Amino acid sequence: MLQELDIKDFALIEHTCVSWTKGLNVLTGETGAGKSILIDALNAVLGGKVGPSTIRNGCERAVIEATFGQSPPVAAWLKQQELQADELDSLIVSREITRAGSRSRINGTLVNLSLVQELRPYLLTIHAQHEARTLLSSQSQLEMLDGLADPAHKKLQDKVRTLHARRRELKSQLSDLVISEEERLRRLDFARFQLNELEEAALQDPDEDSWVANQQRVLANVAQLDESTRKGHGLLAGGEAPADACVVDLLQEVLSAVERAAGLDSRLASVSDALEGCLGTVEEAARELRRYRESLDTDPEALSGLEARLALLATIKRKYGPALADAIARRSELVEEVAKLENVQSRCGELQSELSAVEEELSAQARQLSARRLSLSRKVSGLIQSELVDLGMERCRFEISLEAVEIGQSGLDRIEFLIAPNPGQPLMPVAKIASGGEISRVMLAVKSIFAEADQVATVVFDEIDTGLSGRVLQTMRDKLVQLARSHQILCITHQPLIASVANRHLEVTKEQSARATQIGVRALDPDQRVKALASLASGQDDQQEALRFARSLMDEASRLGQ
C-alpha cells in the first residue's frame, strides 16, 4: 500500500508531501490543475521514462520519494534481492532526476532502474487515460485466472511446475553427456592423464608443502645448525675439554653456596628453590640440544629428495591449485569424471528413459490443467462481461482466449484477455484498446472479479469515469467502493458521485503569479469536502442547491460505507 509520496521540484510542483490511506483515495481539482502530475511522479519514481524536462524551471534536480507498506510478496522480493532493511516495516523507493540522468534507490541502496521496474508490479498498477503500458501481461492474466481456481487445480499447477523443473534438469544432464565419440575419447584421455599425475603425486596432507619446505631449509643449512647447537650445548653443559667452564657447573656451585646460607637463614630458601629450578631447566635444554644435533641428517641424497618433492608439489599447485587442498579435491572430481566418461552410453540411456517418462507425465498433467483453465475461463469471461454491461459497455464482447504453446513451468497455455468494445469490431487484446476510458472500465471490471486473487495492493485509475453518467456512473461508484475493501485505490475524478465515497479526498490546486506557477495538494476535512463536491456539481461552492446536493451525496456515501 502506498503510504506517502514526497515530491520536490518536479514539473510544476515545488514541494508537496501527500499521505495516502487504505481504501479509496480521490483526487479532484479544476481541469489543468495538475492532478495527473501526481500520477506522473508516481510513475517516474517506479521506473517510468522521464527526462530533464520534468525538472521544475530554474532547478537543478527533481527528487521523488514513495513510501509503501510491505506485503508478503514484496518482503520476499526484497529479501531475495538483499534489499530488506531489518529496522523498517516500510519500503522506500526514491529517484533523483538531474540534467545528466537519474539515480534510483530502494531502502537507501543505489540500484539500477531495471530493478525498480522489476519491483513495480508488486506495488501497484496504473491505468491512465490513453496509456496501455500498465495493462496486465499474459503471464499476469494467467496467474490471476489460476488464483481463482479450486485446490485440485492448484495441485495440478504444482505437479506441472515440479515435472517441468525435473525435465529441465534431465535435459541439462543429457546435454552435458551427449558429445561426439571423438570428443568423449579426447576428454577421457585428458582426464585419465590428470588423474594419473595426481595419483602418482600421492597427495595426502594439504599442508605437506609447508612441512617439506621447512625440512629442505633445515638440510640445506645442516652445517650451520650443527655448529650452533654444538656451541650452545658446550656452553650449557661443558665442552669436549674437561677444563671448559659451563653454565651447569656455575649454577651448581651457586646452588651449593645458597643452600649452605639457607641452612643459617630460612629466608633464602625461596632463592635456593629458584636456582634449583633454573638448574633443571638448563640441564633439560642441554639434553634437547644434544638430541637435536644427533638427529641432524647430513645425507646429501635426503636433501636432493626433499628438493625434488618440493618441485613436484609446486608443479601440482600450479596446475591444479593454487593450494594442495584444491589439487586433492580435483583428484576426487577426476575420479568421478573418468567414471562418467567411461560409462556415458549407459548413463545416457538411463537419463533418456527417465526423461521420456517425465515428458509423458508432464504432457498429461499440462493437458488436464489446460482443460480446467478452459472451463474456468469461460465462467470468468461471463462474469467480466456482466461487469462491463453494468459499467455502460452493453454492446461489448469479452473473452479469455487460451492458446497452446510449448510446455513451460506454467503449463501449455498462453492466455489473453480479448475485447470488442463495439459491434462489428474484432476481438482484440485488452492491451491494444485505444480508448483510455474503456481501458479503465475494463480493468475495473477485471479487478472486481479477480480482487481476491490479485496480490497488487494499489490500483491507480486516471479519470475512469470520463463520459459516464446516470445508472452506469452509480454502478461504477458501487464497484469502486467494493474494490476499495480489498485494494488501495487512487482515483482522479471530476464526478462528485465518485468523490463522495472517498476514504480520503485530496484537492489539487494551481496557483499562478507573474513569475511562476505552482501546484498544491491538500487533504479536505468534512466541511471542505462538501464545498468541493458542490463545486464539482455546479462549478461553484457556495450555491445552496449545490451544497444540499453535496450533503445528500455524503449521506448516501455514509450509508454505502456501513
Protein backbone atom coordinates (compact mmCIF):
# COMPACT_ATOMS: atom_id res chain seq x y z
CA MET A 1 0.00 0.00 0.00
CA LEU A 2 1.23 3.50 -0.87
CA GLN A 3 1.67 5.44 2.36
CA GLU A 4 3.37 8.66 1.31
CA LEU A 5 4.53 10.44 -1.83
CA ASP A 6 7.08 13.24 -1.41
CA ILE A 7 7.78 15.38 -4.50
CA LYS A 8 10.34 18.18 -4.85
CA ASP A 9 10.89 20.35 -7.94
CA PHE A 10 9.07 18.00 -10.31
CA ALA A 11 7.16 19.62 -13.20
CA LEU A 12 5.11 22.44 -11.60
CA ILE A 13 5.44 21.12 -8.04
CA GLU A 14 7.93 22.93 -5.81
CA HIS A 15 7.37 20.64 -2.84
CA THR A 16 4.45 18.59 -1.65
CA CYS A 17 4.16 15.55 0.59
CA VAL A 18 0.94 13.57 0.16
CA SER A 19 -0.22 10.97 2.67
CA TRP A 20 -2.50 8.18 1.47
CA THR A 21 -4.84 5.88 3.31
CA LYS A 22 -6.42 2.49 2.87
CA GLY A 23 -9.46 2.25 0.65
CA LEU A 24 -10.45 4.89 -1.89
CA ASN A 25 -8.23 7.97 -2.29
CA VAL A 26 -9.81 10.53 -4.62
CA LEU A 27 -8.02 13.41 -6.37
CA THR A 28 -10.15 16.30 -7.59
CA GLY A 29 -9.44 19.77 -8.91
CA GLU A 30 -10.05 22.09 -11.82
CA THR A 31 -9.15 20.89 -15.30
CA GLY A 32 -5.48 21.64 -15.79
CA ALA A 33 -4.81 21.96 -12.07
CA GLY A 34 -2.13 19.28 -12.26
CA LYS A 35 -3.80 16.16 -10.87
CA SER A 36 -2.07 13.92 -13.38
CA ILE A 37 1.32 15.30 -12.33
CA LEU A 38 0.99 13.31 -9.11
CA ILE A 39 0.43 10.14 -11.13
CA ASP A 40 3.34 11.09 -13.41
CA ALA A 41 5.57 11.48 -10.34
CA LEU A 42 4.45 8.10 -9.01
CA ASN A 43 5.13 6.55 -12.39
CA ALA A 44 8.57 8.21 -12.52
CA VAL A 45 9.73 7.02 -9.10
CA LEU A 46 8.78 3.45 -10.03
CA GLY A 47 10.93 3.39 -13.15
CA GLY A 48 8.88 5.28 -15.74
CA LYS A 49 10.62 7.17 -18.54
CA VAL A 50 11.49 10.76 -17.60
CA GLY A 51 13.90 13.38 -18.84
CA PRO A 52 15.38 16.74 -17.80
CA SER A 53 12.20 18.48 -18.97
CA THR A 54 10.39 17.18 -15.87
CA ILE A 55 12.68 19.24 -13.58
CA ARG A 56 10.95 22.40 -12.36
CA ASN A 57 12.08 25.52 -14.20
CA GLY A 58 15.11 27.11 -12.53
CA CYS A 59 16.07 24.00 -10.52
CA GLU A 60 18.98 21.59 -10.93
CA ARG A 61 17.25 18.38 -9.87
CA ALA A 62 13.91 16.81 -9.02
CA VAL A 63 13.55 14.31 -6.18
CA ILE A 64 10.63 11.91 -5.69
CA GLU A 65 10.29 9.51 -2.77
CA ALA A 66 7.48 6.97 -2.34
CA THR A 67 6.89 5.02 0.86
CA PHE A 68 4.97 1.73 0.72
CA GLY A 69 3.80 -0.77 3.28
CA GLN A 70 5.29 -4.24 2.76
CA SER A 71 3.11 -7.13 1.64
CA PRO A 72 4.46 -10.71 1.91
CA PRO A 73 5.34 -10.87 -1.85
CA VAL A 74 7.18 -7.53 -1.60
CA ALA A 75 9.07 -8.63 1.53
CA ALA A 76 10.07 -11.89 -0.19
CA TRP A 77 11.30 -9.98 -3.26
CA LEU A 78 13.34 -7.57 -1.12
CA LYS A 79 14.91 -10.48 0.78
CA GLN A 80 15.80 -12.21 -2.48
CA GLN A 81 17.48 -9.03 -3.74
CA GLU A 82 19.17 -8.43 -0.34
CA LEU A 83 17.44 -5.05 -0.06
CA GLN A 84 15.44 -5.76 3.10
CA ALA A 85 16.07 -3.20 5.86
CA ASP A 86 15.56 -5.02 9.16
CA GLU A 87 14.67 -1.87 11.07
CA LEU A 88 11.98 -0.81 8.56
CA ASP A 89 8.44 -2.13 8.21
CA SER A 90 8.01 0.05 5.13
CA LEU A 91 9.63 0.18 1.71
CA ILE A 92 11.12 3.45 0.45
CA VAL A 93 11.75 3.96 -3.28
CA SER A 94 13.34 7.21 -4.41
CA ARG A 95 14.55 8.74 -7.64
CA GLU A 96 16.69 11.83 -8.23
CA ILE A 97 16.43 13.35 -11.71
CA THR A 98 19.20 15.66 -12.93
CA ARG A 99 20.13 17.24 -16.25
CA ALA A 100 22.64 14.42 -16.77
CA GLY A 101 20.38 11.48 -15.88
CA SER A 102 18.76 9.94 -12.83
CA ARG A 103 19.58 7.75 -9.79
CA SER A 104 17.20 5.33 -8.09
CA ARG A 105 17.35 3.86 -4.59
CA ILE A 106 15.46 1.12 -2.78
CA ASN A 107 15.62 1.39 1.01
CA GLY A 108 18.57 3.74 0.60
CA THR A 109 20.60 1.40 -1.63
CA LEU A 110 21.55 2.68 -5.09
CA VAL A 111 20.08 0.31 -7.71
CA ASN A 112 19.69 0.03 -11.47
CA LEU A 113 16.45 1.39 -12.90
CA SER A 114 15.65 -2.09 -14.25
CA LEU A 115 15.49 -3.42 -10.69
CA VAL A 116 12.92 -0.76 -9.75
CA GLN A 117 10.92 -1.70 -12.83
CA GLU A 118 11.05 -5.34 -11.69
CA LEU A 119 9.72 -4.32 -8.26
CA ARG A 120 6.93 -2.14 -9.66
CA PRO A 121 4.38 -4.89 -10.49
CA TYR A 122 4.47 -6.00 -6.85
CA LEU A 123 3.44 -2.50 -5.69
CA LEU A 124 0.79 -1.03 -7.99
CA THR A 125 -0.76 -0.83 -11.41
CA ILE A 126 -1.60 2.45 -13.14
CA HIS A 127 -4.48 2.67 -15.59
CA ALA A 128 -4.27 6.11 -17.12
CA GLN A 129 -6.12 7.74 -19.98
CA HIS A 130 -4.61 6.89 -23.38
CA GLU A 131 -2.00 4.57 -21.82
CA ALA A 132 -1.93 0.80 -22.19
CA ARG A 133 1.58 0.13 -20.94
CA THR A 134 0.42 -0.88 -17.47
CA LEU A 135 -2.22 -3.37 -18.60
CA LEU A 136 -1.83 -6.90 -17.42
CA SER A 137 0.68 -9.10 -19.22
CA SER A 138 -0.28 -12.53 -20.48
CA GLN A 139 1.61 -14.15 -17.61
CA SER A 140 -0.12 -11.92 -15.05
CA GLN A 141 -3.52 -12.75 -16.54
CA LEU A 142 -2.69 -16.46 -16.32
CA GLU A 143 -1.68 -16.11 -12.67
CA MET A 144 -4.89 -14.23 -11.90
CA LEU A 145 -7.05 -16.87 -13.57
CA ASP A 146 -5.24 -19.65 -11.68
CA GLY A 147 -5.72 -17.66 -8.50
CA LEU A 148 -9.50 -18.15 -8.78
CA ALA A 149 -9.20 -21.93 -9.14
CA ASP A 150 -10.00 -24.66 -6.61
CA PRO A 151 -7.39 -26.70 -4.65
CA ALA A 152 -7.41 -29.55 -7.20
CA HIS A 153 -6.46 -27.05 -9.91
CA LYS A 154 -3.63 -25.69 -7.78
CA LYS A 155 -2.31 -29.22 -7.13
CA LEU A 156 -2.14 -29.73 -10.89
CA GLN A 157 -0.17 -26.49 -11.17
CA ASP A 158 2.32 -27.74 -8.58
CA LYS A 159 2.68 -31.08 -10.41
CA VAL A 160 3.31 -29.33 -13.74
CA ARG A 161 5.84 -26.99 -12.15
CA THR A 162 7.69 -29.90 -10.46
CA LEU A 163 7.72 -32.06 -13.61
CA HIS A 164 8.91 -29.14 -15.74
CA ALA A 165 11.80 -28.49 -13.33
CA ARG A 166 12.78 -32.17 -13.44
CA ARG A 167 12.62 -32.21 -17.24
CA ARG A 168 14.88 -29.16 -17.39
CA GLU A 169 17.34 -30.83 -15.01
CA LEU A 170 17.39 -34.08 -17.02
CA LYS A 171 17.91 -32.21 -20.29
CA SER A 172 20.81 -30.34 -18.73
CA GLN A 173 22.40 -33.59 -17.59
CA LEU A 174 21.92 -35.15 -21.02
CA SER A 175 23.38 -32.08 -22.70
CA ASP A 176 26.50 -32.48 -20.59
CA LEU A 177 26.79 -36.13 -21.59
CA VAL A 178 25.80 -36.06 -25.26
CA ILE A 179 29.09 -35.39 -27.06
CA SER A 180 30.78 -36.90 -30.09
CA GLU A 181 32.76 -40.11 -29.62
CA GLU A 182 35.92 -38.29 -30.66
CA GLU A 183 35.32 -35.58 -28.07
CA ARG A 184 34.48 -38.19 -25.40
CA LEU A 185 37.73 -40.06 -26.01
CA ARG A 186 39.72 -36.84 -26.02
CA ARG A 187 38.22 -35.72 -22.71
CA LEU A 188 38.59 -39.20 -21.21
CA ASP A 189 42.27 -39.37 -22.21
CA PHE A 190 42.97 -35.96 -20.72
CA ALA A 191 41.06 -36.75 -17.50
CA ARG A 192 42.98 -40.05 -17.11
CA PHE A 193 46.28 -38.22 -17.64
CA GLN A 194 45.45 -35.66 -14.96
CA LEU A 195 44.20 -38.32 -12.56
CA ASN A 196 47.33 -40.42 -13.08
CA GLU A 197 49.53 -37.39 -12.43
CA LEU A 198 47.71 -36.61 -9.19
CA GLU A 199 47.71 -40.24 -8.03
CA GLU A 200 51.46 -40.54 -8.69
CA ALA A 201 51.95 -37.44 -6.53
CA ALA A 202 50.34 -39.42 -3.66
CA LEU A 203 48.90 -36.34 -2.01
CA GLN A 204 47.59 -36.93 1.50
CA ASP A 205 48.23 -33.87 3.66
CA PRO A 206 47.10 -30.47 2.31
CA ASP A 207 49.93 -28.87 4.38
CA GLU A 208 52.67 -31.19 3.08
CA ASP A 209 54.29 -28.40 1.05
CA SER A 210 54.90 -26.34 4.19
CA TRP A 211 56.43 -29.32 6.00
CA VAL A 212 58.69 -30.25 3.06
CA ALA A 213 59.82 -26.65 2.63
CA ASN A 214 60.82 -26.49 6.30
CA GLN A 215 62.71 -29.80 6.12
CA GLN A 216 64.51 -28.69 2.98
CA ARG A 217 65.56 -25.46 4.67
CA VAL A 218 66.95 -27.45 7.62
CA LEU A 219 69.03 -29.83 5.48
CA ALA A 220 70.29 -27.01 3.29
CA ASN A 221 71.74 -25.37 6.44
CA VAL A 222 72.78 -28.51 8.38
CA ALA A 223 76.42 -27.44 8.86
CA GLN A 224 75.45 -24.13 10.42
CA LEU A 225 72.82 -25.82 12.61
CA ASP A 226 75.36 -28.42 13.78
CA GLU A 227 77.91 -25.77 14.73
CA SER A 228 75.35 -23.56 16.53
CA THR A 229 73.88 -26.42 18.57
CA ARG A 230 77.38 -27.81 19.40
CA LYS A 231 78.46 -24.45 20.73
CA GLY A 232 75.22 -23.97 22.68
CA HIS A 233 75.48 -27.41 24.26
CA GLY A 234 79.12 -26.79 25.22
CA LEU A 235 78.31 -23.51 26.95
CA LEU A 236 75.46 -25.09 28.89
CA ALA A 237 76.87 -28.49 29.82
CA GLY A 238 80.55 -28.33 29.08
CA GLY A 239 82.65 -28.83 26.01
CA GLU A 240 84.79 -31.68 24.89
CA ALA A 241 87.72 -30.43 27.03
CA PRO A 242 87.19 -31.07 30.78
CA ALA A 243 88.59 -27.64 31.72
CA ASP A 244 85.84 -25.76 29.78
CA ALA A 245 83.59 -23.71 32.06
CA CYS A 246 79.82 -24.24 31.63
CA VAL A 247 76.55 -22.83 32.89
CA VAL A 248 75.57 -26.09 34.63
CA ASP A 249 78.77 -26.16 36.73
CA LEU A 250 78.42 -22.49 37.67
CA LEU A 251 74.77 -22.94 38.67
CA GLN A 252 75.64 -26.00 40.77
CA GLU A 253 78.36 -24.01 42.54
CA VAL A 254 75.96 -21.12 43.21
CA LEU A 255 73.24 -23.50 44.40
CA SER A 256 75.61 -25.19 46.89
CA ALA A 257 76.59 -21.84 48.36
CA VAL A 258 72.99 -20.63 48.68
CA GLU A 259 71.85 -23.92 50.24
CA ARG A 260 74.52 -23.54 52.95
CA ALA A 261 73.33 -19.98 53.59
CA ALA A 262 69.67 -21.08 53.64
CA GLY A 263 70.58 -23.52 56.42
CA LEU A 264 71.50 -20.47 58.51
CA ASP A 265 68.65 -18.17 57.33
CA SER A 266 65.37 -19.67 56.04
CA ARG A 267 64.56 -16.53 54.10
CA LEU A 268 66.98 -17.75 51.41
CA ALA A 269 65.00 -20.96 50.87
CA SER A 270 62.99 -19.44 48.01
CA VAL A 271 66.23 -18.37 46.29
CA SER A 272 67.55 -21.90 46.65
CA ASP A 273 64.35 -23.30 45.09
CA ALA A 274 64.56 -20.86 42.19
CA LEU A 275 68.18 -21.79 41.48
CA GLU A 276 67.31 -25.48 41.60
CA GLY A 277 64.54 -24.90 39.05
CA CYS A 278 66.92 -22.97 36.82
CA LEU A 279 69.47 -25.75 37.00
CA GLY A 280 66.85 -28.34 35.93
CA THR A 281 65.72 -26.16 33.01
CA VAL A 282 69.29 -25.59 31.80
CA GLU A 283 70.12 -29.30 32.02
CA GLU A 284 66.98 -30.19 30.02
CA ALA A 285 67.86 -27.56 27.39
CA ALA A 286 71.34 -29.05 27.10
CA ARG A 287 69.89 -32.53 26.60
CA GLU A 288 67.50 -31.23 23.92
CA LEU A 289 70.37 -29.57 22.06
CA ARG A 290 72.35 -32.83 22.15
CA ARG A 291 69.39 -34.87 20.87
CA TYR A 292 68.68 -32.32 18.11
CA ARG A 293 72.33 -32.37 16.98
CA GLU A 294 72.38 -36.15 16.91
CA SER A 295 69.16 -36.18 14.80
CA LEU A 296 70.51 -33.93 12.06
CA ASP A 297 70.61 -35.74 8.72
CA THR A 298 73.70 -34.86 6.77
CA ASP A 299 72.99 -37.24 3.87
CA PRO A 300 73.12 -35.22 0.58
CA GLU A 301 70.65 -37.63 -1.03
CA ALA A 302 67.99 -36.74 1.60
CA LEU A 303 68.34 -33.08 0.65
CA SER A 304 68.04 -33.93 -3.05
CA GLY A 305 64.87 -35.94 -2.35
CA LEU A 306 63.24 -33.06 -0.46
CA GLU A 307 64.11 -30.59 -3.21
CA ALA A 308 62.62 -32.90 -5.84
CA ARG A 309 59.43 -33.35 -3.79
CA LEU A 310 59.14 -29.60 -3.28
CA ALA A 311 59.48 -29.02 -7.03
CA LEU A 312 56.78 -31.65 -7.74
CA LEU A 313 54.40 -30.08 -5.24
CA ALA A 314 54.98 -26.66 -6.83
CA THR A 315 54.07 -28.09 -10.25
CA ILE A 316 50.93 -29.73 -8.84
CA LYS A 317 49.82 -26.49 -7.20
CA ARG A 318 50.45 -24.51 -10.38
CA LYS A 319 48.36 -26.92 -12.47
CA TYR A 320 45.62 -27.87 -10.02
CA GLY A 321 45.90 -25.34 -7.18
CA PRO A 322 46.52 -22.73 -6.02
CA ALA A 323 46.71 -24.90 -2.84
CA LEU A 324 47.32 -28.61 -2.31
CA ALA A 325 43.81 -28.87 -0.89
CA ASP A 326 42.47 -27.81 -4.32
CA ALA A 327 44.56 -30.48 -6.02
CA ILE A 328 43.29 -33.16 -3.62
CA ALA A 329 39.69 -32.05 -4.34
CA ARG A 330 40.38 -32.05 -8.09
CA ARG A 331 41.62 -35.66 -7.83
CA SER A 332 38.21 -36.70 -6.42
CA GLU A 333 36.44 -34.80 -9.21
CA LEU A 334 38.56 -36.54 -11.84
CA VAL A 335 37.69 -39.96 -10.42
CA GLU A 336 34.00 -39.12 -10.99
CA GLU A 337 34.63 -37.59 -14.42
CA VAL A 338 36.58 -40.62 -15.65
CA ALA A 339 33.84 -42.95 -14.42
CA LYS A 340 31.19 -40.83 -16.12
CA LEU A 341 33.06 -40.66 -19.42
CA GLU A 342 33.73 -44.41 -19.37
CA ASN A 343 30.03 -45.16 -18.80
CA VAL A 344 28.49 -42.32 -20.78
CA GLN A 345 26.39 -44.52 -23.06
CA SER A 346 24.82 -46.40 -20.17
CA ARG A 347 24.13 -43.19 -18.26
CA CYS A 348 22.65 -41.52 -21.35
CA GLY A 349 20.24 -44.40 -21.74
CA GLU A 350 19.12 -44.13 -18.12
CA LEU A 351 18.59 -40.37 -18.35
CA GLN A 352 16.79 -40.62 -21.70
CA SER A 353 14.44 -43.24 -20.32
CA GLU A 354 13.60 -41.10 -17.30
CA LEU A 355 13.22 -38.01 -19.49
CA SER A 356 10.70 -39.78 -21.75
CA ALA A 357 8.64 -40.82 -18.74
CA VAL A 358 8.76 -37.29 -17.26
CA GLU A 359 7.77 -35.67 -20.57
CA GLU A 360 4.84 -38.05 -20.98
CA GLU A 361 3.62 -37.33 -17.46
CA LEU A 362 4.19 -33.57 -17.91
CA SER A 363 2.18 -33.55 -21.13
CA ALA A 364 -0.71 -35.42 -19.49
CA GLN A 365 -0.79 -33.14 -16.43
CA ALA A 366 -0.48 -30.00 -18.59
CA ARG A 367 -3.46 -31.10 -20.73
CA GLN A 368 -5.54 -31.67 -17.60
CA LEU A 369 -4.57 -28.23 -16.32
CA SER A 370 -5.42 -26.67 -19.68
CA ALA A 371 -8.88 -28.30 -19.65
CA ARG A 372 -9.56 -26.87 -16.20
CA ARG A 373 -8.39 -23.44 -17.32
CA LEU A 374 -10.65 -23.54 -20.36
CA SER A 375 -13.66 -24.30 -18.18
CA LEU A 376 -12.70 -21.62 -15.67
CA SER A 377 -12.00 -19.03 -18.39
CA ARG A 378 -15.50 -19.44 -19.85
CA LYS A 379 -17.05 -18.89 -16.45
CA VAL A 380 -14.88 -15.85 -15.68
CA SER A 381 -15.45 -14.38 -19.16
CA GLY A 382 -19.19 -14.36 -18.48
CA LEU A 383 -18.69 -12.67 -15.11
CA ILE A 384 -16.50 -9.93 -16.60
CA GLN A 385 -18.95 -9.48 -19.46
CA SER A 386 -21.70 -8.84 -16.91
CA GLU A 387 -19.50 -6.35 -15.06
CA LEU A 388 -18.85 -4.46 -18.29
CA VAL A 389 -22.56 -4.29 -19.06
CA ASP A 390 -23.11 -2.74 -15.64
CA LEU A 391 -20.37 -0.21 -16.45
CA GLY A 392 -22.10 1.02 -19.60
CA MET A 393 -20.42 -1.22 -22.19
CA GLU A 394 -23.61 -3.13 -23.02
CA ARG A 395 -22.64 -3.94 -26.59
CA CYS A 396 -19.07 -5.06 -25.99
CA ARG A 397 -17.84 -8.65 -26.18
CA PHE A 398 -15.26 -10.03 -23.76
CA GLU A 399 -13.45 -13.32 -23.97
CA ILE A 400 -10.49 -15.04 -22.33
CA SER A 401 -8.60 -16.93 -25.02
CA LEU A 402 -6.26 -19.86 -24.43
CA GLU A 403 -3.56 -20.63 -26.96
CA ALA A 404 -1.45 -23.78 -26.79
CA VAL A 405 2.28 -23.08 -26.65
CA GLU A 406 5.38 -25.08 -25.78
CA ILE A 407 5.03 -26.51 -22.29
CA GLY A 408 6.68 -24.35 -19.67
CA GLN A 409 6.59 -24.21 -15.90
CA SER A 410 3.04 -22.77 -16.06
CA GLY A 411 1.76 -25.42 -18.45
CA LEU A 412 0.98 -25.25 -22.15
CA ASP A 413 -1.37 -22.25 -22.13
CA ARG A 414 -0.82 -18.67 -23.22
CA ILE A 415 -3.75 -16.59 -22.03
CA GLU A 416 -5.07 -13.31 -23.41
CA PHE A 417 -7.96 -11.08 -22.34
CA LEU A 418 -9.78 -10.08 -25.54
CA ILE A 419 -12.45 -7.44 -26.05
CA ALA A 420 -14.50 -5.94 -28.87
CA PRO A 421 -15.86 -2.66 -27.42
CA ASN A 422 -18.32 -2.05 -30.26
CA PRO A 423 -20.41 -4.21 -32.58
CA GLY A 424 -18.57 -5.12 -35.76
CA GLN A 425 -15.15 -4.86 -34.16
CA PRO A 426 -12.99 -7.99 -33.91
CA LEU A 427 -11.87 -9.28 -30.56
CA MET A 428 -8.50 -7.74 -29.69
CA PRO A 429 -6.16 -7.92 -26.69
CA VAL A 430 -7.19 -5.54 -23.92
CA ALA A 431 -3.69 -4.02 -24.01
CA LYS A 432 -4.36 -2.74 -27.55
CA ILE A 433 -7.61 -0.89 -26.85
CA ALA A 434 -7.29 2.74 -27.93
CA SER A 435 -9.74 4.40 -25.54
CA GLY A 436 -8.39 5.23 -22.09
CA GLY A 437 -11.89 5.32 -20.63
CA GLU A 438 -12.60 1.83 -21.95
CA ILE A 439 -9.28 0.59 -20.63
CA SER A 440 -10.08 1.87 -17.15
CA ARG A 441 -13.56 0.38 -17.15
CA VAL A 442 -12.28 -2.98 -18.38
CA MET A 443 -9.65 -3.01 -15.67
CA LEU A 444 -12.22 -2.09 -13.02
CA ALA A 445 -14.40 -4.97 -14.19
CA VAL A 446 -11.45 -7.37 -14.25
CA LYS A 447 -10.23 -6.32 -10.83
CA SER A 448 -13.72 -6.58 -9.39
CA ILE A 449 -13.73 -10.26 -10.35
CA PHE A 450 -10.10 -11.00 -9.54
CA ALA A 451 -9.84 -8.92 -6.37
CA GLU A 452 -9.15 -11.92 -4.12
CA ALA A 453 -6.52 -13.41 -6.42
CA ASP A 454 -4.77 -10.12 -7.26
CA GLN A 455 -1.78 -9.55 -4.97
CA VAL A 456 -1.08 -5.98 -6.15
CA ALA A 457 -2.15 -3.76 -3.25
CA THR A 458 -2.60 -0.42 -5.05
CA VAL A 459 -4.54 0.39 -8.22
CA VAL A 460 -4.48 3.82 -9.87
CA PHE A 461 -7.34 4.95 -12.12
CA ASP A 462 -6.96 8.20 -14.04
CA GLU A 463 -10.40 9.66 -14.92
CA ILE A 464 -12.05 6.26 -15.06
CA ASP A 465 -15.46 7.95 -15.12
CA THR A 466 -14.98 10.11 -18.21
CA GLY A 467 -18.20 10.35 -20.23
CA LEU A 468 -20.30 8.36 -17.76
CA SER A 469 -23.50 9.43 -16.06
CA GLY A 470 -26.72 8.12 -14.55
CA ARG A 471 -27.05 4.45 -13.69
CA VAL A 472 -23.68 3.47 -15.16
CA LEU A 473 -21.86 6.07 -13.08
CA GLN A 474 -23.70 4.93 -9.98
CA THR A 475 -22.71 1.32 -10.72
CA MET A 476 -19.08 2.39 -11.14
CA ARG A 477 -19.22 4.13 -7.78
CA ASP A 478 -20.53 0.99 -6.10
CA LYS A 479 -17.86 -1.17 -7.72
CA LEU A 480 -15.11 1.21 -6.65
CA VAL A 481 -16.42 1.04 -3.08
CA GLN A 482 -16.41 -2.76 -3.25
CA LEU A 483 -12.91 -2.92 -4.77
CA ALA A 484 -11.59 -0.48 -2.18
CA ARG A 485 -12.41 -3.02 0.54
CA SER A 486 -9.60 -5.28 -0.73
CA HIS A 487 -7.32 -2.77 -2.50
CA GLN A 488 -5.99 0.71 -2.08
CA ILE A 489 -7.48 2.81 -4.90
CA LEU A 490 -6.09 6.12 -6.19
CA CYS A 491 -8.64 7.72 -8.47
CA ILE A 492 -8.63 11.02 -10.39
CA THR A 493 -12.22 12.10 -10.98
CA HIS A 494 -14.41 15.02 -11.99
CA GLN A 495 -17.58 13.32 -10.76
CA PRO A 496 -18.99 14.35 -7.37
CA LEU A 497 -20.76 10.97 -7.14
CA ILE A 498 -17.38 9.17 -7.22
CA ALA A 499 -15.63 11.70 -4.96
CA SER A 500 -18.36 11.41 -2.33
CA VAL A 501 -17.40 7.84 -1.40
CA ALA A 502 -13.72 8.56 -0.87
CA ASN A 503 -11.98 7.47 2.30
CA ARG A 504 -9.56 10.34 1.68
CA HIS A 505 -10.36 13.33 -0.52
CA LEU A 506 -7.37 15.27 -1.89
CA GLU A 507 -7.80 18.55 -3.76
CA VAL A 508 -5.19 19.70 -6.27
CA THR A 509 -4.86 23.43 -6.88
CA LYS A 510 -2.79 25.58 -9.20
CA GLU A 511 -1.50 28.98 -8.08
CA GLN A 512 -0.20 31.36 -10.71
CA SER A 513 1.73 34.58 -10.43
CA ALA A 514 3.52 36.78 -12.92
CA ARG A 515 6.72 34.78 -12.44
CA ALA A 516 5.74 31.22 -11.57
CA THR A 517 3.08 28.52 -11.46
CA GLN A 518 2.88 26.09 -8.54
CA ILE A 519 0.81 23.01 -7.78
CA GLY A 520 -0.54 22.38 -4.29
CA VAL A 521 -2.28 19.37 -2.71
CA ARG A 522 -4.38 19.36 0.45
CA ALA A 523 -6.49 16.79 2.27
CA LEU A 524 -10.06 18.02 2.78
CA ASP A 525 -11.97 17.92 6.06
CA PRO A 526 -15.74 17.16 6.02
CA ASP A 527 -16.82 20.80 5.55
CA GLN A 528 -14.27 21.34 2.80
CA ARG A 529 -15.39 18.12 1.11
CA VAL A 530 -18.99 19.39 0.94
CA LYS A 531 -17.81 22.57 -0.79
CA ALA A 532 -15.57 20.63 -3.16
CA LEU A 533 -18.44 18.30 -4.14
CA ALA A 534 -20.69 21.30 -4.68
CA SER A 535 -18.06 22.86 -6.91
CA LEU A 536 -17.73 19.63 -8.93
CA ALA A 537 -21.51 19.55 -9.36
CA SER A 538 -22.18 23.18 -10.28
CA GLY A 539 -18.87 24.96 -10.75
CA GLN A 540 -19.48 26.99 -7.56
CA ASP A 541 -19.01 26.01 -3.95
CA ASP A 542 -21.45 28.46 -2.34
CA GLN A 543 -24.76 27.78 -4.11
CA GLN A 544 -27.26 26.44 -1.59
CA GLU A 545 -28.77 23.98 -4.01
CA ALA A 546 -25.34 22.60 -4.87
CA LEU A 547 -24.41 22.39 -1.20
CA ARG A 548 -27.60 20.47 -0.42
CA PHE A 549 -26.85 18.11 -3.28
CA ALA A 550 -23.30 17.62 -1.97
CA ARG A 551 -24.58 16.83 1.54
CA SER A 552 -27.03 14.32 0.11
CA LEU A 553 -24.16 12.60 -1.68
CA MET A 554 -22.19 12.47 1.56
CA ASP A 555 -25.17 10.99 3.40
CA GLU A 556 -25.62 8.36 0.72
CA ALA A 557 -21.89 7.57 0.84
CA SER A 558 -22.14 7.08 4.59
CA ARG A 559 -24.93 4.54 4.11
CA LEU A 560 -22.84 2.69 1.48
CA GLY A 561 -19.91 2.52 3.87
CA GLN A 562 -21.94 0.95 6.66
